[in-house]
Amino acid sequence: MSKYKKKLNKSKITYKDSGVDIDKGNLLVKDISDITESTSNEGSIGKLGGFGGLFDLKKCGFIDPILVSSTDGVGTKLQLAIKTKSYFNVGIDLVAMCANDVLAQGAKPLFFMDYYATSKLDNAIAVEVIKGIAEGCKQAGCALIGGETAEMPGHYKKNDFDLAGFCVGAVERANLFKKSSVKKGDHVIGLSSSGVHSNGYSLVRKMIEKNSINIFEKPEFDDTNTLADILMRPTLLYTNAFLEANENQKVKSTSHITGGGLIENPPRAYNKNLTLKFDMKNYKLPPLFEWLKSNTNLSLLELAKTFNCGIGFLIFADKKDVNRMVKKINKIGYNAFLIGTMIENDTNEDVIFDNWHY
């Protein structure tokens, strides 16, 4: 007789009893199938529900491609998303944090996958998040080809959830960015951010808590929006701006301004023999960042190492090409401007700020 023979009066325990509802997860897949199909591009094939997402690179017209991948999340901005119910916006953030990094290698984003984990699946919230992810994919020009939803009771608190994104793009081998392409005398184009984007929110939340700030009220620097609305603006997708500027393969390098701000991110785009000299004479720090500086008592340098300070993306190019690029980028709805030049590194500083009183 088996030692595992069922004992009398022992109650049955199902997976659902433990907090995991497989049927609800299956229903979510049905609910989002139309959403994901709306992001399809020329390379996306197959349907949701398989063991992996499928993508046909050949259909995208590449001849000798290098694949570029990126994975990221949205950090503790999720805590504000839960508090403000900004589920759609944070879905866009997730795509932007990955797709913009793919751009920084000179690649075009092609497909995206997401990971959504929570204590107890709320299909209404999950659908809103995935709608935002789909919108981000449309803005990035990539297909949402699959993902994973996990219920993890006991691991996450009741209303908490977590997100991770995975983006793959491609670039022709000959067009892959090289740090050595950026030369002394090259100019740098800045593209405005939509706000804080998705970095520095642990500090933002700490500041809000310490100063007892009500995020559902309008801040002193903006009489039309609540602070919650301002802080939850999604990260901008820069795909179209990059493609417009790089139409003739004249972009030498780019930098996505994420964690580490304007100090740690730019040097990832050029060699150590160069310094990026930001010319801040005509640059006005956006009111949101002035407000953050005031409420955190950070110096400008500390602020620039924590936040994007209103500049979400940099494009490096030859002096003769930048004015044309700025015009083309602005024509499609972005705010682009000249912000700096590349000089010889004779101070052991990778980035310096000229005409910025810090």
Foldseek 3Di string as FASTA:
>chain_A
DDPVPDDPPDDDDDPVNVQDDVVVVVVLQVVCQVLQVVLDDQFFDDGEDDPDGGGHPVSVPADAKDKDKFKDWQPCVQVLCLVVVVLLQRLLLQLQVTLVVSVQQVWQWAEKEKEKEEQHDDSVSVNSNSSSVSVNSNQSSYGHGYYYYYHDHPPHPHSDMTMMMMIMTIDHPVLGADQALFDAFWFKKFWFWLAQARFQVVVVVVLCVVVVPDQQDCDPVDPPHGNSVSSSRHTDHCNVLSCQLCVVSFWRGKWFAHQQAPAPTPVVRHDQQKAKEWECQPPDQDPNLVVVCVSNVDDPNVSRGGGNSGTGMMTIGHPVRVVVSQVRSVVVPIHMDTTTGMHGPPPSGRYHYPNDDD
